Amino acid sequence: MLRVENLSFSYDKLPVLASIDLRIQRGEHVAIIGESGCGKSTLLKLMYGLMDLEQGEIFWEDEPILCPASNLVPGMPFMKYLS
């Protein structure tokens, strides 16, 4: 299970994500939708461990996802685009 607890993030003091709580069970499909600039990609980068958390915690199978310096999965793209 992926678990996000009280996640908040800002770019240059501009709040992008505020107090996000999310649980995704193994095998569950989720779509993250929203307007351009609303924080979709930022949320995915934070969940993948590519960016440092400002506030909150993210867990995969009850293990914390750490900051980019931990280099959990080097070289893997976090999302793929279809054209």
PDB file of N, CA and C in Angstrom:
ATOM      1  N   MET A   1       0.843  -1.177   0.000  1.00  0.00           N
ATOM      2  CA  MET A   1       0.000   0.000   0.000  1.00  0.00           C
ATOM      3  C   MET A   1       0.891   1.243   0.000  1.00  0.00           C
ATOM      4  N   LEU A   2       0.483   2.238  -0.770  1.00  0.00           N
ATOM      5  CA  LEU A   2       1.117   3.552  -0.759  1.00  0.00           C
ATOM      6  C   LEU A   2       0.294   4.447   0.147  1.00  0.00           C
ATOM      7  N   ARG A   3       0.966   5.105   1.078  1.00  0.00           N
ATOM      8  CA  ARG A   3       0.267   5.965   2.032  1.00  0.00           C
ATOM      9  C   ARG A   3       0.942   7.331   2.088  1.00  0.00           C
ATOM     10  N   VAL A   4       0.156   8.373   1.908  1.00  0.00           N
ATOM     11  CA  VAL A   4       0.626   9.755   1.995  1.00  0.00           C
ATOM     12  C   VAL A   4      -0.090  10.391   3.174  1.00  0.00           C
ATOM     13  N   GLU A   5       0.669  11.011   4.067  1.00  0.00           N
ATOM     14  CA  GLU A   5       0.072  11.605   5.265  1.00  0.00           C
ATOM     15  C   GLU A   5       0.496  13.060   5.421  1.00  0.00           C
ATOM     16  N   ASN A   6      -0.486  13.949   5.452  1.00  0.00           N
ATOM     17  CA  ASN A   6      -0.295  15.375   5.737  1.00  0.00           C
ATOM     18  C   ASN A   6       0.785  16.019   4.865  1.00  0.00           C
ATOM     19  N   LEU A   7       0.763  15.718   3.571  1.00  0.00           N
ATOM     20  CA  LEU A   7       1.769  16.214   2.637  1.00  0.00           C
ATOM     21  C   LEU A   7       1.475  17.649   2.226  1.00  0.00           C
ATOM     22  N   SER A   8       2.466  18.511   2.372  1.00  0.00           N
ATOM     23  CA  SER A   8       2.376  19.900   1.913  1.00  0.00           C
ATOM     24  C   SER A   8       3.672  20.236   1.197  1.00  0.00           C
ATOM     25  N   PHE A   9       3.572  21.079   0.164  1.00  0.00           N
ATOM     26  CA  PHE A   9       4.757  21.460  -0.600  1.00  0.00           C
ATOM     27  C   PHE A   9       4.543  22.825  -1.224  1.00  0.00           C
ATOM     28  N   SER A  10       5.623  23.611  -1.293  1.00  0.00           N
ATOM     29  CA  SER A  10       5.577  24.955  -1.887  1.00  0.00           C
ATOM     30  C   SER A  10       6.775  25.147  -2.800  1.00  0.00           C
ATOM     31  N   TYR A  11       6.598  25.946  -3.842  1.00  0.00           N
ATOM     32  CA  TYR A  11       7.696  26.410  -4.682  1.00  0.00           C
ATOM     33  C   TYR A  11       7.901  27.882  -4.363  1.00  0.00           C
ATOM     34  N   ASP A  12       9.086  28.242  -3.901  1.00  0.00           N
ATOM     35  CA  ASP A  12       9.389  29.645  -3.573  1.00  0.00           C
ATOM     36  C   ASP A  12       8.275  30.293  -2.757  1.00  0.00           C
ATOM     37  N   LYS A  13       7.854  29.618  -1.716  1.00  0.00           N
ATOM     38  CA  LYS A  13       6.809  30.085  -0.788  1.00  0.00           C
ATOM     39  C   LYS A  13       5.419  30.161  -1.417  1.00  0.00           C
ATOM     40  N   LEU A  14       5.249  29.641  -2.633  1.00  0.00           N
ATOM     41  CA  LEU A  14       3.928  29.551  -3.259  1.00  0.00           C
ATOM     42  C   LEU A  14       3.382  28.152  -2.980  1.00  0.00           C
ATOM     43  N   PRO A  15       2.357  28.015  -2.129  1.00  0.00           N
ATOM     44  CA  PRO A  15       1.814  26.687  -1.809  1.00  0.00           C
ATOM     45  C   PRO A  15       1.246  25.999  -3.051  1.00  0.00           C
ATOM     46  N   VAL A  16       1.660  24.741  -3.251  1.00  0.00           N
ATOM     47  CA  VAL A  16       1.166  23.949  -4.377  1.00  0.00           C
ATOM     48  C   VAL A  16       0.297  22.803  -3.864  1.00  0.00           C
ATOM     49  N   LEU A  17       0.747  22.143  -2.808  1.00  0.00           N
ATOM     50  CA  LEU A  17       0.007  21.044  -2.182  1.00  0.00           C
ATOM     51  C   LEU A  17      -0.159  21.370  -0.702  1.00  0.00           C
ATOM     52  N   ALA A  18      -1.345  21.129  -0.170  1.00  0.00           N
ATOM     53  CA  ALA A  18      -1.602  21.452   1.235  1.00  0.00           C
ATOM     54  C   ALA A  18      -2.358  20.322   1.922  1.00  0.00           C
ATOM     55  N   SER A  19      -1.733  19.731   2.925  1.00  0.00           N
ATOM     56  CA  SER A  19      -2.352  18.717   3.792  1.00  0.00           C
ATOM     57  C   SER A  19      -3.005  17.578   3.012  1.00  0.00           C
ATOM     58  N   ILE A  20      -2.244  16.954   2.109  1.00  0.00           N
ATOM     59  CA  ILE A  20      -2.749  15.843   1.296  1.00  0.00           C
ATOM     60  C   ILE A  20      -2.642  14.545   2.092  1.00  0.00           C
ATOM     61  N   ASP A  21      -3.731  13.800   2.168  1.00  0.00           N
ATOM     62  CA  ASP A  21      -3.763  12.451   2.736  1.00  0.00           C
ATOM     63  C   ASP A  21      -4.297  11.522   1.658  1.00  0.00           C
ATOM     64  N   LEU A  22      -3.617  10.381   1.467  1.00  0.00           N
ATOM     65  CA  LEU A  22      -3.977   9.481   0.377  1.00  0.00           C
ATOM     66  C   LEU A  22      -3.544   8.067   0.730  1.00  0.00           C
ATOM     67  N   ARG A  23      -4.383   7.100   0.414  1.00  0.00           N
ATOM     68  CA  ARG A  23      -4.036   5.678   0.563  1.00  0.00           C
ATOM     69  C   ARG A  23      -4.417   4.960  -0.721  1.00  0.00           C
ATOM     70  N   ILE A  24      -3.458   4.234  -1.275  1.00  0.00           N
ATOM     71  CA  ILE A  24      -3.704   3.466  -2.492  1.00  0.00           C
ATOM     72  C   ILE A  24      -3.312   2.023  -2.198  1.00  0.00           C
ATOM     73  N   GLN A  25      -4.271   1.128  -2.287  1.00  0.00           N
ATOM     74  CA  GLN A  25      -4.033  -0.290  -2.032  1.00  0.00           C
ATOM     75  C   GLN A  25      -3.353  -0.934  -3.235  1.00  0.00           C
ATOM     76  N   ARG A  26      -2.591  -1.980  -2.984  1.00  0.00           N
ATOM     77  CA  ARG A  26      -1.947  -2.734  -4.064  1.00  0.00           C
ATOM     78  C   ARG A  26      -3.024  -3.212  -5.044  1.00  0.00           C
ATOM     79  N   GLY A  27      -2.792  -3.011  -6.332  1.00  0.00           N
ATOM     80  CA  GLY A  27      -3.733  -3.427  -7.364  1.00  0.00           C
ATOM     81  C   GLY A  27      -4.794  -2.393  -7.693  1.00  0.00           C
ATOM     82  N   GLU A  28      -4.875  -1.345  -6.901  1.00  0.00           N
ATOM     83  CA  GLU A  28      -5.853  -0.287  -7.128  1.00  0.00           C
ATOM     84  C   GLU A  28      -5.334   0.656  -8.214  1.00  0.00           C
ATOM     85  N   HIS A  29      -6.227   1.140  -9.068  1.00  0.00           N
ATOM     86  CA  HIS A  29      -5.868   2.085 -10.127  1.00  0.00           C
ATOM     87  C   HIS A  29      -6.364   3.468  -9.740  1.00  0.00           C
ATOM     88  N   VAL A  30      -5.496   4.464  -9.908  1.00  0.00           N
ATOM     89  CA  VAL A  30      -5.828   5.834  -9.517  1.00  0.00           C
ATOM     90  C   VAL A  30      -5.428   6.776 -10.643  1.00  0.00           C
ATOM     91  N   ALA A  31      -6.271   7.751 -10.927  1.00  0.00           N
ATOM     92  CA  ALA A  31      -5.947   8.806 -11.887  1.00  0.00           C
ATOM     93  C   ALA A  31      -5.848  10.119 -11.123  1.00  0.00           C
ATOM     94  N   ILE A  32      -4.781  10.846 -11.371  1.00  0.00           N
ATOM     95  CA  ILE A  32      -4.608  12.163 -10.759  1.00  0.00           C
ATOM     96  C   ILE A  32      -4.854  13.185 -11.855  1.00  0.00           C
ATOM     97  N   ILE A  33      -5.938  13.940 -11.711  1.00  0.00           N
ATOM     98  CA  ILE A  33      -6.313  14.901 -12.743  1.00  0.00           C
ATOM     99  C   ILE A  33      -6.424  16.297 -12.148  1.00  0.00           C
ATOM    100  N   GLY A  34      -6.281  17.291 -12.994  1.00  0.00           N
ATOM    101  CA  GLY A  34      -6.410  18.672 -12.545  1.00  0.00           C
ATOM    102  C   GLY A  34      -5.857  19.625 -13.583  1.00  0.00           C
ATOM    103  N   GLU A  35      -6.041  20.889 -13.323  1.00  0.00           N
ATOM    104  CA  GLU A  35      -5.577  21.929 -14.233  1.00  0.00           C
ATOM    105  C   GLU A  35      -4.053  21.982 -14.266  1.00  0.00           C
ATOM    106  N   SER A  36      -3.533  22.590 -15.311  1.00  0.00           N
ATOM    107  CA  SER A  36      -2.102  22.799 -15.437  1.00  0.00           C
ATOM    108  C   SER A  36      -1.595  23.623 -14.256  1.00  0.00           C
ATOM    109  N   GLY A  37      -0.513  23.147 -13.646  1.00  0.00           N
ATOM    110  CA  GLY A  37       0.086  23.882 -12.542  1.00  0.00           C
ATOM    111  C   GLY A  37      -0.524  23.637 -11.181  1.00  0.00           C
ATOM    112  N   CYS A  38      -1.433  22.665 -11.070  1.00  0.00           N
ATOM    113  CA  CYS A  38      -2.102  22.452  -9.778  1.00  0.00           C
ATOM    114  C   CYS A  38      -1.341  21.510  -8.844  1.00  0.00           C
ATOM    115  N   GLY A  39      -0.240  20.884  -9.323  1.00  0.00           N
ATOM    116  CA  GLY A  39       0.573  20.059  -8.439  1.00  0.00           C
ATOM    117  C   GLY A  39       0.563  18.568  -8.726  1.00  0.00           C
ATOM    118  N   LYS A  40      -0.016  18.144  -9.847  1.00  0.00           N
ATOM    119  CA  LYS A  40      -0.069  16.709 -10.170  1.00  0.00           C
ATOM    120  C   LYS A  40       1.330  16.106 -10.288  1.00  0.00           C
ATOM    121  N   SER A  41       2.168  16.702 -11.119  1.00  0.00           N
ATOM    122  CA  SER A  41       3.528  16.191 -11.314  1.00  0.00           C
ATOM    123  C   SER A  41       4.349  16.315 -10.044  1.00  0.00           C
ATOM    124  N   THR A  42       4.160  17.386  -9.310  1.00  0.00           N
ATOM    125  CA  THR A  42       4.870  17.563  -8.043  1.00  0.00           C
ATOM    126  C   THR A  42       4.503  16.445  -7.075  1.00  0.00           C
ATOM    127  N   LEU A  43       3.226  16.116  -6.981  1.00  0.00           N
ATOM    128  CA  LEU A  43       2.788  15.026  -6.106  1.00  0.00           C
ATOM    129  C   LEU A  43       3.450  13.713  -6.515  1.00  0.00           C
ATOM    130  N   LEU A  44       3.469  13.412  -7.816  1.00  0.00           N
ATOM    131  CA  LEU A  44       4.091  12.174  -8.287  1.00  0.00           C
ATOM    132  C   LEU A  44       5.589  12.155  -8.001  1.00  0.00           C
ATOM    133  N   LYS A  45       6.263  13.271  -8.213  1.00  0.00           N
ATOM    134  CA  LYS A  45       7.702  13.338  -7.926  1.00  0.00           C
ATOM    135  C   LYS A  45       7.977  13.138  -6.439  1.00  0.00           C
ATOM    136  N   LEU A  46       7.148  13.713  -5.587  1.00  0.00           N
ATOM    137  CA  LEU A  46       7.306  13.526  -4.146  1.00  0.00           C
ATOM    138  C   LEU A  46       7.056  12.071  -3.756  1.00  0.00           C
ATOM    139  N   MET A  47       6.013  11.457  -4.323  1.00  0.00           N
ATOM    140  CA  MET A  47       5.695  10.063  -3.996  1.00  0.00           C
ATOM    141  C   MET A  47       6.797   9.128  -4.480  1.00  0.00           C
ATOM    142  N   TYR A  48       7.437   9.474  -5.574  1.00  0.00           N
ATOM    143  CA  TYR A  48       8.506   8.634  -6.121  1.00  0.00           C
ATOM    144  C   TYR A  48       9.835   8.854  -5.405  1.00  0.00           C
ATOM    145  N   GLY A  49       9.918   9.909  -4.601  1.00  0.00           N
ATOM    146  CA  GLY A  49      11.146  10.183  -3.870  1.00  0.00           C
ATOM    147  C   GLY A  49      12.141  11.025  -4.637  1.00  0.00           C
ATOM    148  N   LEU A  50      11.688  11.728  -5.677  1.00  0.00           N
ATOM    149  CA  LEU A  50      12.588  12.555  -6.478  1.00  0.00           C
ATOM    150  C   LEU A  50      12.780  13.956  -5.910  1.00  0.00           C
ATOM    151  N   MET A  51      11.928  14.361  -4.992  1.00  0.00           N
ATOM    152  CA  MET A  51      12.011  15.692  -4.397  1.00  0.00           C
ATOM    153  C   MET A  51      11.938  15.557  -2.881  1.00  0.00           C
ATOM    154  N   ASP A  52      12.520  16.529  -2.192  1.00  0.00           N
ATOM    155  CA  ASP A  52      12.479  16.533  -0.728  1.00  0.00           C
ATOM    156  C   ASP A  52      11.107  16.957  -0.227  1.00  0.00           C
ATOM    157  N   LEU A  53      10.608  16.253   0.763  1.00  0.00           N
ATOM    158  CA  LEU A  53       9.341  16.617   1.385  1.00  0.00           C
ATOM    159  C   LEU A  53       9.512  17.865   2.234  1.00  0.00           C
ATOM    160  N   GLU A  54       8.560  18.748   2.151  1.00  0.00           N
ATOM    161  CA  GLU A  54       8.554  19.941   2.991  1.00  0.00           C
ATOM    162  C   GLU A  54       7.849  19.623   4.313  1.00  0.00           C
ATOM    163  N   GLN A  55       6.725  18.932   4.199  1.00  0.00           N
ATOM    164  CA  GLN A  55       5.954  18.532   5.375  1.00  0.00           C
ATOM    165  C   GLN A  55       5.204  17.258   5.028  1.00  0.00           C
ATOM    166  N   GLY A  56       5.072  16.368   5.982  1.00  0.00           N
ATOM    167  CA  GLY A  56       4.319  15.137   5.792  1.00  0.00           C
ATOM    168  C   GLY A  56       5.229  13.936   5.613  1.00  0.00           C
ATOM    169  N   GLU A  57       4.599  12.789   5.384  1.00  0.00           N
ATOM    170  CA  GLU A  57       5.330  11.535   5.218  1.00  0.00           C
ATOM    171  C   GLU A  57       4.692  10.713   4.112  1.00  0.00           C
ATOM    172  N   ILE A  58       5.534   9.915   3.435  1.00  0.00           N
ATOM    173  CA  ILE A  58       5.064   9.013   2.392  1.00  0.00           C
ATOM    174  C   ILE A  58       5.638   7.636   2.695  1.00  0.00           C
ATOM    175  N   PHE A  59       4.779   6.622   2.633  1.00  0.00           N
ATOM    176  CA  PHE A  59       5.191   5.256   2.945  1.00  0.00           C
ATOM    177  C   PHE A  59       4.806   4.315   1.810  1.00  0.00           C
ATOM    178  N   TRP A  60       5.682   3.350   1.533  1.00  0.00           N
ATOM    179  CA  TRP A  60       5.365   2.247   0.641  1.00  0.00           C
ATOM    180  C   TRP A  60       5.525   0.980   1.463  1.00  0.00           C
ATOM    181  N   GLU A  61       4.432   0.226   1.600  1.00  0.00           N
ATOM    182  CA  GLU A  61       4.444  -1.001   2.416  1.00  0.00           C
ATOM    183  C   GLU A  61       4.999  -0.710   3.815  1.00  0.00           C
ATOM    184  N   ASP A  62       4.560   0.382   4.421  1.00  0.00           N
ATOM    185  CA  ASP A  62       4.943   0.811   5.767  1.00  0.00           C
ATOM    186  C   ASP A  62       6.406   1.222   5.919  1.00  0.00           C
ATOM    187  N   GLU A  63       7.148   1.329   4.817  1.00  0.00           N
ATOM    188  CA  GLU A  63       8.517   1.835   4.847  1.00  0.00           C
ATOM    189  C   GLU A  63       8.510   3.255   4.298  1.00  0.00           C
ATOM    190  N   PRO A  64       9.164   4.198   4.972  1.00  0.00           N
ATOM    191  CA  PRO A  64       9.158   5.578   4.483  1.00  0.00           C
ATOM    192  C   PRO A  64       9.905   5.719   3.161  1.00  0.00           C
ATOM    193  N   ILE A  65       9.351   6.527   2.263  1.00  0.00           N
ATOM    194  CA  ILE A  65      10.041   6.898   1.034  1.00  0.00           C
ATOM    195  C   ILE A  65      10.909   8.090   1.392  1.00  0.00           C
ATOM    196  N   LEU A  66      12.190   7.961   1.113  1.00  0.00           N
ATOM    197  CA  LEU A  66      13.143   8.966   1.557  1.00  0.00           C
ATOM    198  C   LEU A  66      13.394  10.014   0.479  1.00  0.00           C
ATOM    199  N   CYS A  67      14.244  10.948   0.786  1.00  0.00           N
ATOM    200  CA  CYS A  67      14.561  12.051  -0.121  1.00  0.00           C
ATOM    201  C   CYS A  67      15.386  11.558  -1.314  1.00  0.00           C
ATOM    202  N   PRO A  68      15.579  12.412  -2.321  1.00  0.00           N
ATOM    203  CA  PRO A  68      16.344  12.017  -3.503  1.00  0.00           C
ATOM    204  C   PRO A  68      17.764  11.547  -3.186  1.00  0.00           C
ATOM    205  N   ALA A  69      18.364  12.069  -2.142  1.00  0.00           N
ATOM    206  CA  ALA A  69      19.731  11.683  -1.788  1.00  0.00           C
ATOM    207  C   ALA A  69      19.834  10.196  -1.452  1.00  0.00           C
ATOM    208  N   SER A  70      18.717   9.577  -1.086  1.00  0.00           N
ATOM    209  CA  SER A  70      18.717   8.149  -0.758  1.00  0.00           C
ATOM    210  C   SER A  70      18.819   7.286  -1.999  1.00  0.00           C
ATOM    211  N   ASN A  71      18.515   7.867  -3.168  1.00  0.00           N
ATOM    212  CA  ASN A  71      18.701   7.193  -4.454  1.00  0.00           C
ATOM    213  C   ASN A  71      18.049   5.813  -4.476  1.00  0.00           C
ATOM    214  N   LEU A  72      16.767   5.752  -4.144  1.00  0.00           N
ATOM    215  CA  LEU A  72      16.071   4.472  -4.012  1.00  0.00           C
ATOM    216  C   LEU A  72      16.029   3.674  -5.306  1.00  0.00           C
ATOM    217  N   VAL A  73      15.657   4.304  -6.407  1.00  0.00           N
ATOM    218  CA  VAL A  73      15.535   3.610  -7.684  1.00  0.00           C
ATOM    219  C   VAL A  73      16.224   4.474  -8.744  1.00  0.00           C
ATOM    220  N   PRO A  74      17.537   4.436  -8.832  1.00  0.00           N
ATOM    221  CA  PRO A  74      18.239   5.321  -9.747  1.00  0.00           C
ATOM    222  C   PRO A  74      17.935   5.007 -11.204  1.00  0.00           C
ATOM    223  N   GLY A  75      17.766   6.049 -11.990  1.00  0.00           N
ATOM    224  CA  GLY A  75      17.620   5.899 -13.428  1.00  0.00           C
ATOM    225  C   GLY A  75      16.253   5.508 -13.938  1.00  0.00           C
ATOM    226  N   MET A  76      15.277   5.291 -13.075  1.00  0.00           N
ATOM    227  CA  MET A  76      13.953   4.896 -13.554  1.00  0.00           C
ATOM    228  C   MET A  76      13.072   6.117 -13.738  1.00  0.00           C
ATOM    229  N   PRO A  77      12.396   6.231 -14.891  1.00  0.00           N
ATOM    230  CA  PRO A  77      11.484   7.362 -15.081  1.00  0.00           C
ATOM    231  C   PRO A  77      10.275   7.209 -14.167  1.00  0.00           C
ATOM    232  N   PHE A  78       9.812   8.292 -13.581  1.00  0.00           N
ATOM    233  CA  PHE A  78       8.696   8.196 -12.643  1.00  0.00           C
ATOM    234  C   PHE A  78       7.356   8.246 -13.348  1.00  0.00           C
ATOM    235  N   MET A  79       7.321   8.743 -14.569  1.00  0.00           N
ATOM    236  CA  MET A  79       6.080   8.710 -15.335  1.00  0.00           C
ATOM    237  C   MET A  79       6.424   8.758 -16.808  1.00  0.00           C
ATOM    238  N   LYS A  80       5.564   8.210 -17.623  1.00  0.00           N
ATOM    239  CA  LYS A  80       5.778   8.174 -19.061  1.00  0.00           C
ATOM    240  C   LYS A  80       4.624   8.887 -19.740  1.00  0.00           C
ATOM    241  N   TYR A  81       4.949   9.616 -20.774  1.00  0.00           N
ATOM    242  CA  TYR A  81       3.935  10.364 -21.502  1.00  0.00           C
ATOM    243  C   TYR A  81       3.591   9.641 -22.796  1.00  0.00           C
ATOM    244  N   LEU A  82       2.345   9.703 -23.176  1.00  0.00           N
ATOM    245  CA  LEU A  82       1.890   9.146 -24.447  1.00  0.00           C
ATOM    246  C   LEU A  82       1.580  10.297 -25.379  1.00  0.00           C
ATOM    247  N   SER A  83       1.954  10.157 -26.642  1.00  0.00           N
ATOM    248  CA  SER A  83       1.640  11.233 -27.585  1.00  0.00           C
ATOM    249  C   SER A  83       0.690  10.738 -28.651  1.00  0.00           C
TER     250      SER A  83
END
